[in-house]
Amino acid sequence: MKKYFYSDGKEKHGPLSIDELEQEDITNDTLIWFEGLEDWTPARDLDDIKPILEINPPPIDTSEEEPILETEKKQENFQKPLKIGLKEASRGWLIAGFVFSILGGYLGVIIGFNYAFGKYKEETKRLGWLMAILGIFSAAIWRAL
């Protein structure tokens, strides 16, 4: 019975039977030696080893992420707080809110409080507060006239 040796690049392992060699992590480039060979030979060049290479399973994915089911994704979306940044559509409302605020309209105050208390980024919340305060002062000034 042949006894095989293989090298993982650092150490040599063996002697192993062909059945034991099947259990090892042998690749095409693994160097193999057995009695009768002159030198270490890549596994892909040895007829005895080719069947082992064919049944060698692919490497296991070591990423720690587990696959997420579609229903779990939907549940995550409902559980996460909604964060909306300063988007193109929001800019129009901000501009309109400031115009209403300056003109003394309570609509500017309402839009401002919507942004101030909404689930937006800090920059947008600050603009909302500024808009609401500007609207209140502007309304007071217009009433005094």
Protein backbone atom coordinates (compact mmCIF):
# COMPACT_ATOMS: atom_id res chain seq x y z
CA MET A 1 0.00 0.00 0.00
CA LYS A 2 1.35 3.44 -1.02
CA LYS A 3 2.05 5.98 1.68
CA TYR A 4 1.65 9.61 0.62
CA PHE A 5 3.23 12.73 2.00
CA TYR A 6 2.05 16.26 1.30
CA SER A 7 3.33 19.71 2.11
CA ASP A 8 1.19 22.70 3.12
CA GLY A 9 4.09 25.03 2.29
CA LYS A 10 5.42 25.07 5.84
CA GLU A 11 5.52 21.45 7.00
CA LYS A 12 5.30 18.03 5.49
CA HIS A 13 2.53 15.68 6.58
CA GLY A 14 2.37 11.94 6.33
CA PRO A 15 2.66 9.10 5.82
CA LEU A 16 -1.00 8.84 4.83
CA SER A 17 -3.05 6.30 2.94
CA ILE A 18 -5.06 7.49 -0.06
CA ASP A 19 -8.21 7.42 2.11
CA GLU A 20 -6.54 9.57 4.77
CA LEU A 21 -5.24 11.93 2.08
CA GLU A 22 -8.83 12.44 0.89
CA GLN A 23 -9.67 13.93 4.28
CA GLU A 24 -6.92 16.57 4.00
CA ASP A 25 -7.23 19.97 2.35
CA ILE A 26 -5.50 19.08 -0.92
CA THR A 27 -5.55 21.55 -3.80
CA ASN A 28 -4.13 21.46 -7.32
CA ASP A 29 -0.96 23.18 -6.09
CA THR A 30 -0.39 20.99 -3.02
CA LEU A 31 2.98 19.26 -3.29
CA ILE A 32 2.78 15.46 -2.98
CA TRP A 33 5.48 12.83 -2.65
CA PHE A 34 5.34 9.06 -2.41
CA GLU A 35 7.91 6.34 -2.86
CA GLY A 36 8.79 6.12 -6.52
CA LEU A 37 8.66 9.87 -7.21
CA GLU A 38 11.95 11.68 -7.67
CA ASP A 39 10.76 14.98 -6.21
CA TRP A 40 7.73 16.75 -4.74
CA THR A 41 5.06 17.09 -7.44
CA PRO A 42 1.94 19.27 -7.63
CA ALA A 43 -1.21 17.22 -7.00
CA ARG A 44 -2.70 18.17 -10.41
CA ASP A 45 0.14 16.27 -12.12
CA LEU A 46 -0.47 12.95 -10.32
CA ASP A 47 -3.02 10.49 -11.68
CA ASP A 48 -3.47 8.89 -8.22
CA ILE A 49 -4.51 12.23 -6.71
CA LYS A 50 -6.78 13.59 -9.47
CA PRO A 51 -9.89 11.77 -8.10
CA ILE A 52 -9.30 13.45 -4.72
CA LEU A 53 -9.13 16.85 -6.37
CA GLU A 54 -12.40 16.23 -8.18
CA ILE A 55 -14.29 15.44 -4.97
CA ASN A 56 -12.66 18.21 -2.97
CA PRO A 57 -15.53 20.51 -1.93
CA PRO A 58 -15.28 24.26 -2.42
CA PRO A 59 -14.05 26.35 0.50
CA ILE A 60 -16.57 27.23 3.18
CA ASP A 61 -17.74 30.84 3.26
CA THR A 62 -16.31 32.17 6.50
CA SER A 63 -18.24 35.42 6.50
CA GLU A 64 -20.17 35.73 9.72
CA GLU A 65 -23.26 37.15 8.08
CA GLU A 66 -26.19 34.80 8.00
CA PRO A 67 -28.51 34.97 5.05
CA ILE A 68 -31.43 37.29 5.79
CA LEU A 69 -34.86 36.22 4.67
CA GLU A 70 -37.00 38.72 2.78
CA THR A 71 -39.52 38.87 5.65
CA GLU A 72 -36.71 39.67 8.11
CA LYS A 73 -35.56 42.53 5.87
CA LYS A 74 -39.09 43.97 5.88
CA GLN A 75 -39.27 43.71 9.68
CA GLU A 76 -35.89 45.46 10.01
CA ASN A 77 -37.14 48.34 7.89
CA PHE A 78 -40.10 48.85 10.25
CA GLN A 79 -37.90 48.68 13.34
CA LYS A 80 -35.24 51.14 12.17
CA PRO A 81 -35.94 54.81 12.80
CA LEU A 82 -36.52 56.70 9.59
CA LYS A 83 -33.69 59.13 8.84
CA ILE A 84 -34.28 61.46 5.97
CA GLY A 85 -31.56 63.83 4.91
CA LEU A 86 -31.65 67.05 2.98
CA LYS A 87 -32.93 65.71 -0.32
CA GLU A 88 -33.83 67.50 -3.51
CA ALA A 89 -37.57 67.33 -2.78
CA SER A 90 -37.05 68.63 0.77
CA ARG A 91 -35.17 71.69 -0.44
CA GLY A 92 -38.29 72.94 -2.20
CA TRP A 93 -40.31 72.62 1.01
CA LEU A 94 -37.60 74.35 3.01
CA ILE A 95 -37.51 77.26 0.58
CA ALA A 96 -41.32 77.49 0.57
CA GLY A 97 -41.35 77.34 4.38
CA PHE A 98 -38.90 80.22 4.64
CA VAL A 99 -40.91 82.28 2.14
CA PHE A 100 -44.11 81.66 4.13
CA SER A 101 -42.25 82.45 7.37
CA ILE A 102 -40.93 85.75 6.07
CA LEU A 103 -44.37 86.71 4.80
CA GLY A 104 -45.76 86.07 8.27
CA GLY A 105 -47.71 83.00 7.35
CA TYR A 106 -48.43 80.36 9.91
CA LEU A 107 -47.86 77.78 7.20
CA GLY A 108 -44.13 78.58 7.46
CA VAL A 109 -44.27 77.93 11.20
CA ILE A 110 -46.06 74.62 10.63
CA ILE A 111 -43.55 73.50 8.00
CA GLY A 112 -40.70 74.58 10.29
CA PHE A 113 -42.03 72.56 13.23
CA ASN A 114 -42.54 69.58 10.93
CA TYR A 115 -38.83 69.62 10.10
CA ALA A 116 -37.78 70.51 13.66
CA PHE A 117 -39.64 67.59 15.27
CA GLY A 118 -39.52 65.14 12.35
CA LYS A 119 -37.13 62.25 11.95
CA TYR A 120 -34.56 64.14 9.93
CA LYS A 121 -30.84 64.70 10.17
CA GLU A 122 -29.58 67.41 12.53
CA GLU A 123 -28.93 69.88 9.72
CA THR A 124 -32.54 69.68 8.56
CA LYS A 125 -33.86 69.92 12.14
CA ARG A 126 -31.84 73.11 12.71
CA LEU A 127 -33.26 74.62 9.52
CA GLY A 128 -36.76 73.66 10.72
CA TRP A 129 -36.24 75.44 14.04
CA LEU A 130 -34.86 78.48 12.28
CA MET A 131 -37.85 78.51 9.92
CA ALA A 132 -40.38 78.20 12.80
CA ILE A 133 -38.75 80.96 14.87
CA LEU A 134 -38.49 83.22 11.84
CA GLY A 135 -42.18 82.58 11.10
CA ILE A 136 -43.25 83.44 14.66
CA PHE A 137 -41.25 86.72 14.68
CA SER A 138 -42.43 87.59 11.18
CA ALA A 139 -46.07 86.97 12.12
CA ALA A 140 -45.68 89.18 15.21
CA ILE A 141 -44.14 91.97 13.13
CA TRP A 142 -46.85 91.79 10.47
CA ARG A 143 -49.59 91.89 13.14
CA ALA A 144 -47.99 94.92 14.78
CA LEU A 145 -48.13 96.84 11.50
